[in-house]
Protein backbone atom coordinates (compact mmCIF):
# COMPACT_ATOMS: atom_id res chain seq x y z
CA MET A 1 -9.79 27.87 -53.27
CA GLU A 2 -12.92 29.80 -54.35
CA THR A 3 -12.35 33.41 -55.29
CA TYR A 4 -14.74 36.20 -56.23
CA GLY A 5 -12.60 37.62 -59.03
CA TRP A 6 -12.11 41.34 -59.15
CA LEU A 7 -14.81 41.76 -56.49
CA SER A 8 -12.38 40.25 -53.99
CA ILE A 9 -10.17 43.35 -54.04
CA LEU A 10 -13.01 45.76 -53.27
CA THR A 11 -12.95 45.04 -49.53
CA PRO A 12 -9.31 46.01 -48.85
CA VAL A 13 -9.36 48.83 -51.40
CA LEU A 14 -12.46 50.41 -49.85
CA ALA A 15 -11.16 50.04 -46.30
CA ILE A 16 -7.73 51.48 -47.06
CA PHE A 17 -9.04 54.32 -49.24
CA MET A 18 -11.65 55.34 -46.67
CA ALA A 19 -9.18 55.12 -43.78
CA ILE A 20 -6.65 57.37 -45.47
CA LYS A 21 -9.25 59.76 -46.87
CA THR A 22 -11.49 60.18 -43.83
CA LYS A 23 -9.03 59.26 -41.02
CA GLN A 24 -11.91 57.27 -39.48
CA VAL A 25 -10.10 53.95 -39.43
CA TYR A 26 -12.63 52.05 -37.29
CA ILE A 27 -15.57 52.96 -39.50
CA SER A 28 -13.54 52.34 -42.66
CA LEU A 29 -12.48 48.85 -41.62
CA THR A 30 -16.01 47.96 -40.54
CA LEU A 31 -17.40 49.09 -43.91
CA GLY A 32 -14.76 47.04 -45.71
CA ILE A 33 -15.67 43.92 -43.73
CA TRP A 34 -19.37 44.52 -44.32
CA LEU A 35 -18.83 44.93 -48.08
CA GLY A 36 -16.84 41.70 -48.24
CA TRP A 37 -19.50 39.60 -46.55
CA THR A 38 -22.24 41.32 -48.53
CA ILE A 39 -20.44 40.20 -51.71
CA ILE A 40 -20.04 36.67 -50.38
CA HIS A 41 -23.76 36.47 -49.57
CA GLY A 42 -24.93 37.50 -53.00
CA GLY A 43 -25.27 41.22 -52.38
CA ASN A 44 -27.60 40.93 -49.38
CA PRO A 45 -26.61 43.87 -47.11
CA LEU A 46 -28.52 42.57 -44.06
CA THR A 47 -26.83 39.17 -44.18
CA GLY A 48 -23.55 40.97 -44.76
CA PHE A 49 -24.09 42.99 -41.57
CA ILE A 50 -24.97 39.89 -39.54
CA GLN A 51 -21.89 38.08 -40.80
CA THR A 52 -19.76 41.14 -40.04
CA VAL A 53 -20.71 40.82 -36.38
CA ASN A 54 -20.08 37.07 -36.49
CA VAL A 55 -16.61 37.42 -37.98
CA LEU A 56 -15.65 40.05 -35.38
CA VAL A 57 -16.63 37.61 -32.63
CA ALA A 58 -14.83 34.76 -34.42
CA VAL A 59 -11.54 36.65 -34.20
CA PHE A 60 -11.19 35.29 -30.66
CA GLU A 61 -11.53 31.70 -31.87
CA ASP A 62 -7.94 31.97 -33.08
CA ALA A 63 -5.66 31.68 -30.04
CA ASP A 64 -2.86 33.64 -31.73
CA ASN A 65 -5.21 36.57 -32.39
CA THR A 66 -6.39 36.55 -28.79
CA ARG A 67 -2.83 36.48 -27.46
CA VAL A 68 -1.81 39.42 -29.67
CA ILE A 69 -4.77 41.47 -28.43
CA LEU A 70 -4.01 40.55 -24.81
CA PHE A 71 -0.32 41.43 -24.88
CA SER A 72 -1.07 44.66 -26.73
CA ALA A 73 -3.51 45.64 -23.98
CA MET A 74 -1.19 44.57 -21.17
CA ILE A 75 1.70 46.63 -22.51
CA GLY A 76 -0.39 49.61 -21.40
CA ALA A 77 0.08 48.38 -17.82
CA ILE A 78 3.87 48.35 -18.29
CA ILE A 79 3.70 51.96 -19.48
CA THR A 80 1.52 53.23 -16.61
CA LEU A 81 3.37 51.30 -13.90
CA THR A 82 6.85 52.36 -15.03
CA GLN A 83 5.69 55.98 -15.20
CA TYR A 84 3.92 56.06 -11.83
CA SER A 85 6.84 54.28 -10.13
CA GLY A 86 9.21 57.00 -11.34
CA GLY A 87 11.12 54.43 -13.38
CA MET A 88 10.53 56.04 -16.75
CA GLN A 89 11.53 59.50 -15.52
CA GLY A 90 14.53 57.97 -13.75
CA PHE A 91 15.64 56.31 -16.96
CA VAL A 92 15.28 59.54 -18.95
CA ASP A 93 17.23 61.41 -16.27
CA TRP A 94 19.92 58.72 -16.27
CA ILE A 95 20.30 58.71 -20.05
CA THR A 96 20.44 62.49 -20.32
CA GLY A 97 22.58 62.85 -17.18
CA LYS A 98 25.17 60.45 -18.55
CA GLY A 99 25.35 62.47 -21.71
CA LEU A 100 24.37 59.42 -23.76
CA VAL A 101 21.41 61.14 -25.41
CA LYS A 102 21.56 64.92 -25.67
CA THR A 103 20.47 65.65 -29.21
CA ARG A 104 17.77 64.68 -31.66
CA LYS A 105 20.36 62.69 -33.59
CA SER A 106 21.47 60.64 -30.59
CA ALA A 107 17.84 59.98 -29.63
CA GLY A 108 17.14 58.70 -33.14
CA LEU A 109 20.26 56.53 -33.02
CA LEU A 110 19.12 55.04 -29.70
CA ALA A 111 15.73 54.09 -31.14
CA TRP A 112 17.36 52.69 -34.30
CA PHE A 113 19.93 50.71 -32.31
CA LEU A 114 17.30 49.19 -30.01
CA GLY A 115 15.17 48.32 -33.02
CA VAL A 116 18.05 46.50 -34.68
CA ILE A 117 19.54 44.56 -31.77
CA ILE A 118 16.24 43.11 -30.49
CA PHE A 119 15.78 40.60 -33.30
CA ILE A 120 13.91 37.79 -31.56
CA GLU A 121 10.44 39.07 -32.46
CA SER A 122 9.14 42.14 -34.27
CA SER A 123 6.41 43.07 -31.78
CA ILE A 124 8.61 42.88 -28.68
CA CYS A 125 11.22 44.95 -30.54
CA VAL A 126 8.68 47.70 -31.21
CA LEU A 127 7.27 47.60 -27.69
CA VAL A 128 10.66 47.77 -25.93
CA ALA A 129 12.19 50.38 -28.22
CA GLY A 130 9.01 52.47 -27.99
CA ALA A 131 8.82 52.31 -24.20
CA VAL A 132 12.46 53.37 -23.84
CA SER A 133 12.56 56.00 -26.58
CA ARG A 134 9.20 57.78 -26.36
CA PRO A 135 9.83 59.86 -23.21
CA ILE A 136 13.25 60.86 -24.58
CA PHE A 137 11.77 61.84 -27.95
CA ASP A 138 9.08 63.88 -26.17
CA LYS A 139 11.68 65.69 -24.07
CA LEU A 140 13.80 66.55 -27.11
CA LYS A 141 10.73 67.61 -29.14
CA ILE A 142 10.82 64.93 -31.81
CA SER A 143 7.48 64.09 -33.38
CA ARG A 144 5.65 60.95 -32.42
CA GLU A 145 5.34 60.24 -36.15
CA LYS A 146 9.14 60.09 -36.46
CA LEU A 147 9.37 57.63 -33.57
CA SER A 148 6.68 55.37 -35.01
CA TYR A 149 8.47 55.39 -38.37
CA ILE A 150 11.77 54.37 -36.79
CA LEU A 151 10.08 51.61 -34.78
CA ASP A 152 8.15 50.22 -37.73
CA SER A 153 11.07 50.35 -40.16
CA THR A 154 13.52 48.56 -37.89
CA SER A 155 11.24 45.72 -36.78
CA ALA A 156 10.12 43.54 -39.69
CA PRO A 157 13.03 44.45 -42.04
CA LYS A 158 15.54 43.24 -39.46
CA CYS A 159 13.55 40.13 -38.51
CA ILE A 160 13.18 39.03 -42.14
CA VAL A 161 16.95 38.77 -42.68
CA ILE A 162 17.68 36.80 -39.47
CA PRO A 163 16.76 33.09 -39.44
CA LEU A 164 16.93 32.79 -35.63
CA ASN A 165 13.43 33.98 -34.79
CA ALA A 166 9.77 33.13 -35.37
CA TRP A 167 9.87 34.81 -38.79
CA GLY A 168 12.71 32.56 -39.91
CA ALA A 169 10.97 29.46 -38.57
CA PHE A 170 7.77 30.30 -40.45
CA ILE A 171 9.56 30.93 -43.74
CA LEU A 172 11.63 27.76 -43.40
CA SER A 173 8.47 25.75 -42.83
CA LEU A 174 6.90 27.22 -45.99
CA LEU A 175 10.00 26.41 -48.05
CA ALA A 176 10.16 22.89 -46.67
CA SER A 177 6.50 22.32 -47.53
CA GLN A 178 7.37 23.07 -51.17
CA GLY A 179 9.83 20.20 -51.29
CA ILE A 180 13.03 22.27 -51.06
CA ASP A 181 15.76 19.93 -49.82
CA ASN A 182 17.75 22.45 -47.81
CA PRO A 183 15.44 25.33 -46.87
CA ILE A 184 17.98 26.89 -44.48
CA ARG A 185 20.57 27.18 -47.23
CA VAL A 186 18.03 28.69 -49.64
CA PHE A 187 16.78 31.15 -47.03
CA VAL A 188 20.28 32.25 -46.02
CA ALA A 189 21.27 32.61 -49.67
CA SER A 190 18.26 34.90 -50.24
CA ILE A 191 19.30 37.33 -47.49
CA PRO A 192 21.74 39.42 -49.61
CA PHE A 193 18.98 39.88 -52.20
CA ASN A 194 16.39 41.15 -49.71
CA PHE A 195 16.92 44.66 -51.00
CA TYR A 196 13.90 46.28 -49.35
CA ALA A 197 14.88 45.17 -45.85
CA PHE A 198 18.39 46.61 -46.10
CA LEU A 199 17.21 49.78 -47.86
CA ALA A 200 14.54 50.41 -45.20
CA LEU A 201 17.06 49.98 -42.37
CA GLY A 202 19.63 52.10 -44.18
CA LEU A 203 17.16 54.88 -44.97
CA VAL A 204 16.17 55.19 -41.31
CA LEU A 205 19.83 55.47 -40.31
CA PHE A 206 20.50 58.04 -43.05
CA LEU A 207 17.55 60.21 -42.01
CA VAL A 208 18.57 60.05 -38.35
CA LEU A 209 22.18 60.99 -39.09
CA THR A 210 21.42 63.78 -41.55
CA GLY A 211 18.22 65.15 -40.02
CA LYS A 212 16.74 65.33 -43.51
CA ASP A 213 13.02 64.73 -43.93
CA PHE A 214 10.53 65.05 -46.76
CA GLY A 215 6.81 64.82 -47.33
CA PRO A 216 4.34 64.77 -44.42
CA MET A 217 7.13 63.85 -41.99
CA LYS A 218 8.87 67.14 -42.68
CA LYS A 219 5.68 69.00 -41.74
CA ALA A 220 5.32 66.93 -38.58
CA GLU A 221 8.87 67.70 -37.49
CA LYS A 222 8.39 71.39 -38.25
CA ARG A 223 5.21 71.39 -36.14
CA VAL A 224 7.08 70.03 -33.12
CA ARG A 225 10.05 72.37 -33.43
CA GLU A 226 8.05 75.54 -34.05
CA GLU A 227 4.84 74.89 -32.12
CA GLY A 228 5.97 72.32 -29.57
CA LYS A 229 3.11 69.97 -30.55
CA LEU A 230 4.07 66.30 -30.40
CA LEU A 231 0.81 65.47 -32.17
CA ARG A 232 -1.21 67.47 -34.69
CA ASP A 233 -4.41 69.16 -33.58
CA GLY A 234 -7.24 66.65 -33.68
CA ALA A 235 -4.95 63.62 -33.64
CA GLU A 236 -6.29 60.48 -31.94
CA PRO A 237 -3.38 58.44 -30.59
CA LEU A 238 -3.99 54.72 -30.14
CA VAL A 239 -2.89 55.05 -26.52
CA ALA A 240 -5.14 57.16 -24.34
CA ASP A 241 -3.74 60.21 -22.49
CA GLU A 242 -4.32 58.50 -19.15
CA VAL A 243 -1.66 55.97 -20.18
CA VAL A 244 1.06 58.19 -21.64
CA LYS A 245 0.62 61.17 -19.33
CA VAL A 246 0.83 59.44 -15.96
CA LYS A 247 2.97 61.48 -13.57
CA ALA A 248 5.42 59.85 -11.18
CA LYS A 249 4.07 59.38 -7.67
CA ALA A 250 4.95 62.32 -5.43
CA GLY A 251 7.66 61.89 -2.84
CA ILE A 252 9.39 58.82 -4.30
CA PRO A 253 12.88 58.56 -5.83
CA HIS A 254 13.13 58.32 -9.60
CA ARG A 255 15.15 55.15 -10.19
CA ALA A 256 16.08 54.02 -13.68
CA ILE A 257 16.09 50.39 -12.52
CA ASN A 258 12.32 50.54 -12.14
CA MET A 259 12.11 51.03 -15.90
CA ILE A 260 15.02 48.81 -16.91
CA LEU A 261 13.94 45.81 -14.80
CA PRO A 262 10.48 45.09 -16.31
CA VAL A 263 11.65 45.91 -19.84
CA GLY A 264 14.73 43.74 -19.37
CA VAL A 265 12.59 40.86 -18.12
CA MET A 266 10.44 41.10 -21.25
CA VAL A 267 13.50 40.95 -23.51
CA VAL A 268 15.03 38.00 -21.64
CA MET A 269 11.80 36.01 -21.35
CA MET A 270 11.07 36.19 -25.07
CA PRO A 271 13.79 33.73 -26.19
CA VAL A 272 13.26 31.62 -23.05
CA VAL A 273 9.60 31.02 -23.89
CA LEU A 274 10.46 30.53 -27.57
CA MET A 275 12.80 27.73 -26.47
CA ILE A 276 10.13 26.21 -24.23
CA THR A 277 7.35 26.32 -26.83
CA GLY A 278 9.76 25.10 -29.49
CA ARG A 279 10.85 22.18 -27.29
CA GLY A 280 14.42 23.32 -27.29
CA ASN A 281 14.38 24.76 -30.82
CA LEU A 282 14.27 28.56 -30.80
CA MET A 283 13.07 28.77 -34.40
CA LYS A 284 10.09 26.49 -33.79
CA GLY A 285 8.72 28.44 -30.83
CA SER A 286 5.44 30.37 -30.84
CA GLY A 287 5.93 34.10 -31.26
CA SER A 288 2.51 35.08 -29.90
CA ILE A 289 2.84 32.87 -26.80
CA SER A 290 6.36 34.14 -26.19
CA VAL A 291 5.42 37.80 -26.40
CA LEU A 292 2.36 37.34 -24.18
CA TRP A 293 4.33 35.59 -21.44
CA ALA A 294 7.19 38.06 -21.77
CA VAL A 295 4.77 40.91 -21.08
CA ILE A 296 3.07 39.02 -18.23
CA CYS A 297 6.45 38.38 -16.60
CA GLY A 298 7.44 42.02 -17.09
CA VAL A 299 4.27 43.22 -15.38
CA GLY A 300 4.63 40.68 -12.58
CA VAL A 301 8.25 41.58 -11.84
CA ALA A 302 7.42 45.28 -11.90
CA ALA A 303 4.55 44.80 -9.43
CA ILE A 304 6.69 42.76 -7.04
CA ALA A 305 9.65 45.15 -7.25
CA TYR A 306 7.54 48.25 -6.62
CA ARG A 307 5.72 46.60 -3.70
CA LEU A 308 8.97 45.45 -2.06
CA GLN A 309 10.48 48.93 -2.41
CA GLY A 310 7.41 50.43 -0.75
CA ILE A 311 6.85 52.66 -3.79
CA MET A 312 3.33 51.43 -4.47
CA LYS A 313 0.69 49.62 -2.46
CA THR A 314 -1.19 46.63 -3.86
CA ARG A 315 -4.28 48.76 -4.50
CA GLU A 316 -2.21 51.30 -6.46
CA ILE A 317 -0.60 48.55 -8.53
CA MET A 318 -4.01 47.15 -9.48
CA ASP A 319 -5.45 50.60 -10.17
CA TYR A 320 -2.64 51.55 -12.55
CA PHE A 321 -2.65 48.10 -14.11
CA MET A 322 -6.33 48.52 -15.01
CA LYS A 323 -5.74 52.12 -16.09
CA GLY A 324 -3.05 50.95 -18.49
CA VAL A 325 -5.11 48.09 -19.90
CA GLY A 326 -8.17 50.33 -20.21
CA GLY A 327 -6.17 52.92 -22.12
CA MET A 328 -5.45 50.31 -24.76
CA VAL A 329 -9.09 49.74 -25.70
CA PRO A 330 -8.69 51.76 -28.95
CA LEU A 331 -5.75 49.54 -29.93
CA ALA A 332 -7.59 46.32 -29.06
CA SER A 333 -10.57 47.46 -31.13
CA LEU A 334 -8.37 48.21 -34.09
CA MET A 335 -6.63 44.84 -33.75
CA ILE A 336 -9.97 43.02 -33.81
CA LEU A 337 -11.04 44.87 -36.96
CA ALA A 338 -7.67 44.25 -38.64
CA PHE A 339 -7.86 40.51 -37.96
CA ALA A 340 -11.48 40.41 -39.12
CA ILE A 341 -10.75 42.11 -42.43
CA GLY A 342 -7.88 39.68 -42.97
CA ASP A 343 -10.29 36.78 -42.46
CA THR A 344 -12.73 38.44 -44.85
CA CYS A 345 -10.06 38.79 -47.54
CA GLU A 346 -9.17 35.13 -47.06
CA ALA A 347 -12.82 34.13 -47.53
CA LEU A 348 -13.00 36.25 -50.69
CA GLY A 349 -9.77 34.76 -52.05
CA THR A 350 -8.19 38.21 -52.48
CA GLY A 351 -4.59 36.99 -52.31
CA PRO A 352 -4.89 34.03 -54.73
CA PHE A 353 -6.85 36.16 -57.22
CA VAL A 354 -4.18 38.86 -57.33
CA ALA A 355 -1.42 36.28 -57.62
CA GLN A 356 -3.13 34.27 -60.37
CA ALA A 357 -4.03 37.41 -62.31
CA ALA A 358 -0.33 38.16 -62.72
CA LYS A 359 0.72 34.66 -63.80
CA SER A 360 0.42 35.47 -67.48
CA THR A 361 3.30 35.07 -69.93
CA LEU A 362 6.08 37.43 -68.82
CA PRO A 363 9.75 37.80 -69.77
CA SER A 364 11.67 35.79 -67.20
CA GLY A 365 13.90 38.74 -66.30
CA ILE A 366 11.05 40.81 -64.92
CA ILE A 367 9.40 38.02 -62.94
CA PRO A 368 11.27 38.78 -59.65
CA ALA A 369 10.19 42.42 -59.89
CA VAL A 370 6.61 41.37 -60.68
CA LEU A 371 6.57 38.99 -57.72
CA PHE A 372 7.81 41.84 -55.54
CA LEU A 373 4.93 44.05 -56.73
CA ILE A 374 2.30 41.32 -56.33
CA SER A 375 3.52 40.46 -52.84
CA SER A 376 3.49 44.16 -51.97
CA PHE A 377 -0.10 44.57 -53.11
CA ILE A 378 -1.31 41.46 -51.29
CA ALA A 379 0.39 42.52 -48.05
CA PHE A 380 -0.94 46.06 -48.44
CA SER A 381 -4.48 44.80 -49.07
CA THR A 382 -4.57 42.15 -46.35
CA GLY A 383 -2.29 43.77 -43.76
CA THR A 384 -0.21 40.66 -43.19
CA SER A 385 3.28 39.86 -44.44
CA TRP A 386 3.09 36.32 -43.07
CA GLY A 387 -0.16 35.68 -44.91
CA THR A 388 1.48 37.03 -48.06
CA PHE A 389 4.40 34.64 -47.64
CA ALA A 390 1.96 31.76 -47.25
CA ILE A 391 0.22 32.74 -50.49
CA MET A 392 3.23 33.66 -52.61
CA ILE A 393 5.94 31.15 -51.71
CA PRO A 394 3.86 28.23 -53.07
CA ILE A 395 3.53 30.24 -56.29
CA ALA A 396 7.16 31.37 -56.51
CA VAL A 397 8.84 28.00 -55.86
CA PRO A 398 7.14 26.15 -58.75
CA MET A 399 8.02 29.08 -61.04
CA ILE A 400 11.66 28.62 -60.05
CA ASN A 401 11.54 24.99 -61.10
CA VAL A 402 9.58 25.47 -64.33
CA ILE A 403 11.23 28.61 -65.69
CA GLY A 404 14.68 28.06 -64.19
CA LEU A 405 14.92 31.34 -62.28
CA HIS A 406 17.44 32.20 -59.55
CA PRO A 407 15.95 30.64 -56.35
CA SER A 408 17.42 33.11 -53.85
CA LEU A 409 16.34 36.14 -55.87
CA MET A 410 12.81 34.79 -56.26
CA ILE A 411 12.42 34.03 -52.55
CA ALA A 412 13.84 37.44 -51.62
CA SER A 413 11.39 39.20 -53.95
CA VAL A 414 8.43 37.59 -52.16
CA LEU A 415 9.81 38.28 -48.69
CA GLY A 416 10.78 41.87 -49.50
CA GLY A 417 7.45 42.59 -51.16
CA GLY A 418 5.56 41.20 -48.18
CA VAL A 419 7.39 43.49 -45.77
CA PHE A 420 7.10 46.52 -48.07
CA GLY A 421 3.34 46.14 -48.52
CA ASP A 422 2.93 45.49 -44.82
CA HIS A 423 4.77 48.73 -44.04
CA CYS A 424 2.42 50.76 -46.20
CA SER A 425 -0.78 49.13 -44.97
CA PRO A 426 -2.88 50.81 -42.29
CA ILE A 427 -4.40 47.43 -41.35
CA SER A 428 -1.07 45.73 -40.62
CA ASP A 429 -0.61 44.55 -37.03
CA THR A 430 3.03 45.72 -36.91
CA THR A 431 1.99 49.13 -38.23
CA ILE A 432 -0.73 49.31 -35.58
CA ILE A 433 1.64 48.25 -32.79
CA SER A 434 4.18 50.87 -33.93
CA SER A 435 1.50 53.55 -33.64
CA MET A 436 0.62 52.25 -30.21
CA ALA A 437 4.21 52.05 -28.94
CA SER A 438 4.87 55.64 -29.99
CA ALA A 439 1.44 56.88 -28.82
CA THR A 440 0.67 58.52 -32.14
CA ASP A 441 -2.36 58.79 -34.39
CA HIS A 442 -2.42 55.65 -36.51
CA ILE A 443 -3.30 57.28 -39.83
CA ASP A 444 -0.70 59.99 -39.20
CA HIS A 445 1.89 57.23 -38.82
CA VAL A 446 0.79 55.64 -42.10
CA ARG A 447 0.73 58.95 -44.00
CA THR A 448 4.19 60.02 -42.83
CA GLN A 449 5.78 56.61 -43.33
CA ILE A 450 4.49 55.82 -46.81
CA PRO A 451 6.79 58.26 -48.69
CA TYR A 452 9.85 56.68 -47.05
CA ALA A 453 8.57 53.15 -47.65
CA LEU A 454 7.86 54.04 -51.29
CA ALA A 455 11.38 55.42 -51.72
CA ALA A 456 12.93 52.21 -50.41
CA GLY A 457 10.39 50.10 -52.29
CA ALA A 458 11.03 51.82 -55.63
CA SER A 459 14.78 51.33 -55.19
CA ALA A 460 14.25 47.66 -54.34
CA LEU A 461 12.03 47.22 -57.40
CA LEU A 462 14.75 48.66 -59.62
CA LEU A 463 17.33 46.30 -58.12
CA PHE A 464 15.05 43.30 -58.69
CA LEU A 465 14.69 44.35 -62.33
CA ILE A 466 18.46 44.65 -62.76
CA PHE A 467 19.31 41.39 -61.00
CA GLY A 468 16.46 39.60 -62.75
CA PHE A 469 18.23 40.08 -66.07
CA ILE A 470 21.84 39.56 -64.96
CA LEU A 471 21.43 36.42 -62.80
């Protein structure tokens, strides 16, 4: 594959630096895309601009991209409909009335528990846990940044250590394509060595139980407790106020079932559609198709249930459906830009260049740690853990055979690095969806999460160094 050498890293570096520095993520991503295509076209800025527009349009040529954008927009309808029907308030009243969630600690445990048990797909996990937890977090004055951190750090880390989902199927297919005889055995054997995943999950649980915070997250939590501000002044949440601040319709009962039913349908339909698309094999199903149809079914069931109960008329259902979808325009725009910059990095050969640059002569003991760092950087730069796996597994497997390294440790280093870099990246789709599900400012989510991700990542790096020399 053609690469543009060190120029290939300028696009993601510029976009990420500008996004964090200026907090203008849309402009930053657009500039990064423009720079990439300007480089590809010999430094011609006009051609680079024209190609920037073309690549944004081309995002919709990929059916998976289109489905992700659609289900992300439609989840706004779930939020508005469950709020207007009184379902969300009914659920909050039920949870607090039962004494199940009374404190900040119990609210955090609820979000963590939901994030862990919904293992079928990372996006549906974030969406469900966010929809259930956000109103409770708001009521107990817990920052939106804290919720988005919990959602993000229990989604991918949990999915990467469970073979029975779309993540597992994708990884198994990559291993099989490298000629590994028993990819399931190799994948399962790598799970205990996926240090970052377990450290990320454990750190969330520790912070929830102890109430300890550090870095920007500590300031965010202090802001909520002392000033009552769920978001900082000037924050721009990915979900518009008209979505998250819908009041329940006057004069109707607040029933928890009107929240539980559509969310429950989404959770149940996910594995069903995975089985259908996988022709009876759960691990071969399409994650994007499954999530899209799960959300469609959730919206459909909600609409029918509310109409039959006489809570909402057909016109009201359509009005709040469109209000919810319309409120997700900022998210859809960000998704399009994130996919486009990923395509730009692929055209530049960013991933292969970074990987090849590190394939110099290295002591065998540090290779797992180096692979972890390279995978982290690629995922951070491109915003995709799956793309990182696709780049790095074909590099790691031959190194196992040639150098004689521990297969499970090597595979785990690539998988862990991909998830770690993805967690830190502001252009990652799971990071974006976590911001959306918690209705927080996207850059605020990234800034508050990075110190925690770095703590878990540094610990994982140390463990890869130790195990690299003792195995």
